[in-house]
Amino acid sequence: MRGYIWGYDRPTPILDTPMPLTDTAVRQAKPTEKPRKLSDSGGLYLLVNKAGRYWRWKYRHGGKEKVMALGVYPDVSLAQARERHQEGRKLLASGVDPMADRKQQASAPAATTFEQAARQWWVHWSPSRSARHAEYVLRRLEADVFPEIGGIQTTRVAWGEKVEGSARDILGAVEAPQTEETSEEEDAVMFLRDLLADGPVPSKQVKADADGAGFAWATVRRAQKRIGAEAVKEGGRLGDRKQQWVWRLGPNPEGAQEIQKMLTPKREHLLENLSTFKENPSTEAEAGQATKDEEF
């Protein structure tokens, strides 16, 4: 286009506006000794040097000029570089520094599932509990919890200001519908059977494991009657201080509950005291000492 000024014509100046890159131009850009930049748009350019071709984005944030790496060509194509460039521009428009955001994402821990997190917790928690109780808890997780929610990503779990209800209430949701009292008693029965399956267990350990599992002592007592577990003294002679109370599975667990129904509290107490006696106690003093000892 030509124009006239004071009777003379001269060409209209053409602005030197860089054209966006093309796939052909990028592909034909060969590595050179001297670094050079092939600009695309919005600060995106291809840095070409003797080592290769690299996508870079020059931008400003907080009054400072920064250069962000967007990948290496040909691993990252022109189209992919533009996508990354646009994602960065969106962050920048919202006030976020794209390079700082990338560092934060890289330092964030990898997402884990609920099952992975629970197993890690169990590894750290189990040494402080008895082997029987620790195995019982792990079996319950594997049977009732992991099949339902084990695959949930922990990053998807939203926590409120406080936990509503006990762990037993929460885990109870994955069990078959039962009344609260029945469900807890059934759990206690399973717990006690597992605990006593390998032989007698000291009463103090039973109490400690039951507390650790969250069972009320009254519930454990009901479970004891249902499975016919006995509380007896073992070790040493009758009345010996070396004796200790232990719990063990009785010889007739099926009929134990019906027998217990016929016992009044007073008769039950007498029966527990009688269970501490061996045949032919040697002296009245030993028998009297046995009745003074209280079962844990």
Protein backbone atom coordinates (compact mmCIF):
# COMPACT_ATOMS: atom_id res chain seq x y z
CA MET A 1 0.00 0.00 0.00
CA ARG A 2 1.35 3.41 -0.91
CA GLY A 3 0.42 6.92 0.24
CA TYR A 4 1.11 10.54 -0.76
CA ILE A 5 2.79 13.13 1.45
CA TRP A 6 3.50 16.61 0.03
CA GLY A 7 3.26 15.23 -3.44
CA TYR A 8 5.63 12.28 -2.82
CA ASP A 9 4.61 8.70 -2.46
CA ARG A 10 6.29 6.32 -0.02
CA PRO A 11 5.58 2.78 1.23
CA THR A 12 3.53 2.44 4.42
CA PRO A 13 5.74 0.91 7.17
CA ILE A 14 4.97 -2.74 7.99
CA LEU A 15 5.06 -3.70 11.70
CA ASP A 16 7.36 -6.63 12.56
CA THR A 17 4.82 -8.85 14.36
CA PRO A 18 6.11 -12.41 15.04
CA MET A 19 3.98 -15.16 13.56
CA PRO A 20 2.90 -18.11 15.73
CA LEU A 21 5.01 -21.21 15.38
CA THR A 22 3.99 -24.09 13.16
CA ASP A 23 4.71 -27.79 13.50
CA THR A 24 6.92 -27.58 10.43
CA ALA A 25 8.97 -24.69 11.81
CA VAL A 26 9.47 -26.47 15.12
CA ARG A 27 10.41 -29.75 13.44
CA GLN A 28 12.94 -28.03 11.16
CA ALA A 29 14.58 -26.07 13.98
CA LYS A 30 17.92 -27.86 14.24
CA PRO A 31 20.22 -27.59 17.30
CA THR A 32 22.85 -24.88 16.94
CA GLU A 33 25.95 -23.78 18.79
CA LYS A 34 24.50 -20.39 19.53
CA PRO A 35 21.22 -20.48 21.53
CA ARG A 36 18.24 -18.92 19.81
CA LYS A 37 14.57 -18.45 20.64
CA LEU A 38 11.63 -19.15 18.36
CA SER A 39 8.67 -17.21 19.75
CA ASP A 40 5.07 -18.44 19.61
CA SER A 41 2.73 -16.12 21.57
CA GLY A 42 2.07 -14.88 25.10
CA GLY A 43 5.66 -15.42 26.18
CA LEU A 44 5.82 -19.05 24.98
CA TYR A 45 8.94 -19.87 22.96
CA LEU A 46 11.15 -22.74 21.84
CA LEU A 47 14.73 -22.51 23.07
CA VAL A 48 17.11 -24.10 20.57
CA ASN A 49 20.72 -24.83 21.46
CA LYS A 50 23.33 -27.50 20.83
CA ALA A 51 21.82 -29.76 23.53
CA GLY A 52 18.31 -29.84 22.07
CA ARG A 53 14.98 -27.99 21.88
CA TYR A 54 13.14 -26.87 25.02
CA TRP A 55 9.77 -25.22 25.62
CA ARG A 56 9.93 -22.16 27.85
CA TRP A 57 7.42 -19.59 29.08
CA LYS A 58 8.48 -16.11 30.16
CA TYR A 59 6.05 -14.30 32.43
CA ARG A 60 5.94 -11.77 35.28
CA HIS A 61 4.58 -12.31 38.78
CA GLY A 62 4.94 -10.06 41.80
CA GLY A 63 6.95 -7.59 39.76
CA LYS A 64 9.56 -10.21 38.84
CA GLU A 65 10.30 -11.81 35.51
CA LYS A 66 10.36 -15.61 35.55
CA VAL A 67 10.98 -18.39 33.06
CA MET A 68 9.12 -21.68 33.42
CA ALA A 69 10.11 -24.95 31.72
CA LEU A 70 7.24 -26.65 29.89
CA GLY A 71 8.97 -29.72 28.49
CA VAL A 72 11.39 -30.97 25.86
CA TYR A 73 10.61 -31.28 22.15
CA PRO A 74 9.70 -33.73 20.59
CA ASP A 75 8.47 -35.43 23.82
CA VAL A 76 6.17 -32.43 24.25
CA SER A 77 4.61 -31.30 20.98
CA LEU A 78 3.68 -27.76 20.00
CA ALA A 79 0.02 -28.43 20.84
CA GLN A 80 0.91 -29.87 24.27
CA ALA A 81 3.22 -26.95 25.02
CA ARG A 82 0.39 -24.53 24.22
CA GLU A 83 -1.97 -26.44 26.54
CA ARG A 84 0.51 -26.19 29.40
CA HIS A 85 1.04 -22.56 28.57
CA GLN A 86 -2.70 -21.86 28.78
CA GLU A 87 -3.02 -23.71 32.10
CA GLY A 88 -0.23 -21.55 33.50
CA ARG A 89 -1.85 -18.36 32.21
CA LYS A 90 -5.10 -19.29 33.99
CA LEU A 91 -3.23 -19.72 37.28
CA LEU A 92 -1.43 -16.45 36.74
CA ALA A 93 -4.72 -14.64 36.03
CA SER A 94 -6.07 -15.95 39.36
CA GLY A 95 -3.07 -14.55 41.23
CA VAL A 96 -1.18 -17.82 41.60
CA ASP A 97 2.47 -18.15 40.62
CA PRO A 98 2.56 -21.18 38.24
CA MET A 99 6.11 -22.18 39.22
CA ALA A 100 5.32 -22.03 42.95
CA ASP A 101 2.16 -24.08 42.36
CA ARG A 102 4.17 -26.74 40.51
CA LYS A 103 6.66 -27.03 43.38
CA GLN A 104 3.83 -27.39 45.86
CA GLN A 105 2.20 -30.14 43.82
CA ALA A 106 5.50 -31.99 43.49
CA SER A 107 6.16 -31.89 47.24
CA ALA A 108 2.64 -33.11 48.14
CA PRO A 109 2.55 -36.76 49.26
CA ALA A 110 1.22 -39.30 46.80
CA ALA A 111 -2.43 -40.18 47.28
CA THR A 112 -2.96 -43.33 49.33
CA THR A 113 -6.03 -45.48 49.83
CA PHE A 114 -7.85 -45.95 53.13
CA GLU A 115 -6.61 -49.55 53.29
CA GLN A 116 -2.98 -48.50 52.83
CA ALA A 117 -3.32 -45.83 55.52
CA ALA A 118 -5.08 -48.27 57.89
CA ARG A 119 -2.40 -50.92 57.46
CA GLN A 120 0.32 -48.34 58.16
CA TRP A 121 -1.58 -47.30 61.30
CA TRP A 122 -1.87 -50.96 62.37
CA VAL A 123 1.89 -51.51 62.01
CA HIS A 124 2.59 -48.62 64.42
CA TRP A 125 -0.31 -49.42 66.77
CA SER A 126 -0.05 -53.22 67.12
CA PRO A 127 3.22 -53.42 69.15
CA SER A 128 1.44 -51.72 72.07
CA ARG A 129 -1.26 -54.43 72.16
CA SER A 130 -1.22 -58.18 72.72
CA ALA A 131 -0.59 -60.32 69.64
CA ARG A 132 -4.06 -61.88 69.90
CA HIS A 133 -5.87 -58.57 70.08
CA ALA A 134 -3.78 -57.02 67.29
CA GLU A 135 -4.55 -59.96 64.99
CA TYR A 136 -8.25 -59.74 65.92
CA VAL A 137 -8.41 -56.06 64.93
CA LEU A 138 -6.60 -56.72 61.63
CA ARG A 139 -8.97 -59.57 60.78
CA ARG A 140 -11.97 -57.33 61.46
CA LEU A 141 -10.56 -54.64 59.17
CA GLU A 142 -9.90 -57.16 56.41
CA ALA A 143 -13.33 -58.79 56.74
CA ASP A 144 -15.63 -55.81 57.38
CA VAL A 145 -13.93 -52.55 56.44
CA PHE A 146 -11.49 -52.94 53.55
CA PRO A 147 -14.00 -54.61 51.19
CA GLU A 148 -16.34 -51.62 51.64
CA ILE A 149 -14.12 -48.54 51.82
CA GLY A 150 -10.55 -49.79 51.44
CA GLY A 151 -10.17 -48.35 47.95
CA ILE A 152 -11.21 -44.79 48.84
CA GLN A 153 -8.44 -42.24 48.36
CA THR A 154 -7.54 -40.53 51.62
CA THR A 155 -7.53 -37.19 49.80
CA ARG A 156 -11.27 -37.66 49.24
CA VAL A 157 -12.00 -37.98 52.97
CA ALA A 158 -13.40 -34.75 54.41
CA TRP A 159 -13.02 -34.28 58.16
CA GLY A 160 -15.40 -32.24 60.27
CA GLU A 161 -14.51 -30.26 63.37
CA LYS A 162 -14.93 -33.34 65.54
CA VAL A 163 -15.68 -37.03 65.19
CA GLU A 164 -19.33 -37.79 65.83
CA GLY A 165 -19.77 -41.12 67.62
CA SER A 166 -17.35 -43.86 68.58
CA ALA A 167 -15.26 -45.97 66.24
CA ARG A 168 -17.59 -48.89 66.99
CA ASP A 169 -20.58 -46.82 65.80
CA ILE A 170 -18.80 -45.88 62.58
CA LEU A 171 -17.49 -49.36 61.78
CA GLY A 172 -20.86 -50.85 62.67
CA ALA A 173 -22.32 -49.35 59.50
CA VAL A 174 -20.63 -52.01 57.38
CA GLU A 175 -22.14 -54.88 59.37
CA ALA A 176 -25.52 -56.53 58.96
CA PRO A 177 -28.40 -54.54 60.47
CA GLN A 178 -28.70 -55.34 64.19
CA THR A 179 -29.71 -53.56 67.34
CA GLU A 180 -26.85 -51.68 68.99
CA GLU A 181 -26.81 -53.94 72.05
CA THR A 182 -26.98 -57.18 70.03
CA SER A 183 -24.29 -56.05 67.62
CA GLU A 184 -21.86 -55.18 70.40
CA GLU A 185 -22.50 -58.46 72.18
CA GLU A 186 -21.96 -60.45 68.98
CA ASP A 187 -18.67 -58.62 68.48
CA ALA A 188 -17.66 -59.45 72.03
CA VAL A 189 -18.47 -63.13 71.48
CA MET A 190 -16.26 -63.21 68.39
CA PHE A 191 -13.53 -61.31 70.23
CA LEU A 192 -13.58 -63.68 73.21
CA ARG A 193 -13.62 -66.83 71.11
CA ASP A 194 -10.59 -65.64 69.17
CA LEU A 195 -8.81 -64.59 72.33
CA LEU A 196 -9.28 -67.95 74.09
CA ALA A 197 -8.91 -70.18 71.04
CA ASP A 198 -5.25 -70.99 71.72
CA GLY A 199 -5.63 -71.71 75.43
CA PRO A 200 -6.10 -70.00 78.82
CA VAL A 201 -5.47 -66.26 79.03
CA PRO A 202 -4.76 -64.34 82.26
CA SER A 203 -7.77 -62.34 83.45
CA LYS A 204 -5.79 -59.12 83.49
CA GLN A 205 -4.90 -59.60 79.83
CA VAL A 206 -8.54 -60.30 78.96
CA LYS A 207 -9.54 -57.06 80.68
CA ALA A 208 -6.77 -55.06 78.97
CA ASP A 209 -7.57 -56.46 75.52
CA ALA A 210 -11.30 -55.88 76.00
CA ASP A 211 -10.65 -52.27 76.99
CA GLY A 212 -8.39 -51.84 73.96
CA ALA A 213 -11.14 -53.20 71.71
CA GLY A 214 -13.70 -50.81 73.22
CA PHE A 215 -15.92 -53.41 74.95
CA ALA A 216 -17.73 -52.66 78.19
CA TRP A 217 -16.90 -55.21 80.88
CA ALA A 218 -20.59 -56.10 81.29
CA THR A 219 -20.73 -56.96 77.58
CA VAL A 220 -17.67 -59.17 77.90
CA ARG A 221 -19.32 -60.95 80.85
CA ARG A 222 -22.41 -61.68 78.76
CA ALA A 223 -20.21 -62.99 75.97
CA GLN A 224 -18.38 -65.17 78.51
CA LYS A 225 -21.64 -66.84 79.49
CA ARG A 226 -22.70 -67.36 75.90
CA ILE A 227 -19.55 -69.23 74.90
CA GLY A 228 -19.22 -71.05 78.24
CA ALA A 229 -15.86 -69.54 79.15
CA GLU A 230 -14.61 -70.29 82.69
CA ALA A 231 -12.69 -68.07 85.09
CA VAL A 232 -10.45 -70.29 87.22
CA LYS A 233 -7.23 -70.11 89.17
CA GLU A 234 -4.19 -71.89 87.83
CA GLY A 235 -0.60 -72.38 88.88
CA GLY A 236 0.78 -73.69 92.17
CA ARG A 237 -1.20 -75.17 95.08
CA LEU A 238 -4.57 -73.93 96.28
CA GLY A 239 -4.13 -70.61 98.03
CA ASP A 240 -0.61 -70.18 96.69
CA ARG A 241 0.25 -66.59 95.86
CA LYS A 242 1.67 -67.81 92.57
CA GLN A 243 -1.79 -68.74 91.40
CA GLN A 244 -3.49 -66.39 88.96
CA TRP A 245 -6.95 -66.04 87.51
CA VAL A 246 -7.24 -67.18 83.90
CA TRP A 247 -10.07 -67.43 81.41
CA ARG A 248 -10.51 -70.55 79.31
CA LEU A 249 -13.14 -72.17 77.13
CA GLY A 250 -15.30 -74.55 79.14
CA PRO A 251 -16.10 -78.18 78.29
CA ASN A 252 -19.74 -77.46 77.35
CA PRO A 253 -19.98 -74.04 75.69
CA GLU A 254 -23.25 -74.86 73.90
CA GLY A 255 -25.25 -75.41 77.11
CA ALA A 256 -23.48 -72.81 79.20
CA GLN A 257 -25.95 -70.01 78.51
CA GLU A 258 -28.97 -72.11 79.54
CA ILE A 259 -27.26 -73.10 82.79
CA GLN A 260 -26.43 -69.48 83.54
CA LYS A 261 -30.09 -68.50 83.12
CA MET A 262 -31.00 -70.74 86.09
CA LEU A 263 -28.44 -69.13 88.40
CA THR A 264 -29.30 -66.24 90.70
CA PRO A 265 -26.52 -63.66 91.22
CA LYS A 266 -25.85 -65.12 94.69
CA ARG A 267 -25.59 -68.68 93.38
CA GLU A 268 -23.40 -67.49 90.52
CA HIS A 269 -21.01 -65.87 93.01
CA LEU A 270 -20.85 -69.07 95.07
CA LEU A 271 -20.20 -71.10 91.93
CA GLU A 272 -17.30 -68.85 90.96
CA ASN A 273 -15.80 -69.28 94.44
CA LEU A 274 -16.24 -73.05 94.29
CA SER A 275 -14.40 -73.12 90.96
CA THR A 276 -11.23 -72.07 92.78
CA PHE A 277 -11.15 -75.20 94.95
CA LYS A 278 -9.25 -78.36 94.04
CA GLU A 279 -10.15 -81.79 95.32
CA ASN A 280 -9.52 -82.36 99.04
CA PRO A 281 -8.23 -78.91 100.13
CA SER A 282 -5.46 -79.39 102.65
CA THR A 283 -6.56 -76.93 105.32
CA GLU A 284 -9.41 -74.57 106.16
CA ALA A 285 -6.91 -71.74 106.07
CA GLU A 286 -6.17 -72.42 102.40
CA ALA A 287 -9.88 -72.60 101.59
CA GLY A 288 -10.54 -69.36 103.46
CA GLN A 289 -7.71 -67.63 101.63
CA ALA A 290 -9.15 -68.77 98.29
CA THR A 291 -12.53 -67.21 99.01
CA LYS A 292 -10.91 -63.90 99.97
CA ASP A 293 -9.13 -63.59 96.64
CA GLU A 294 -11.25 -61.70 94.17
CA GLU A 295 -11.30 -62.56 90.51
CA PHE A 296 -10.10 -59.73 88.31
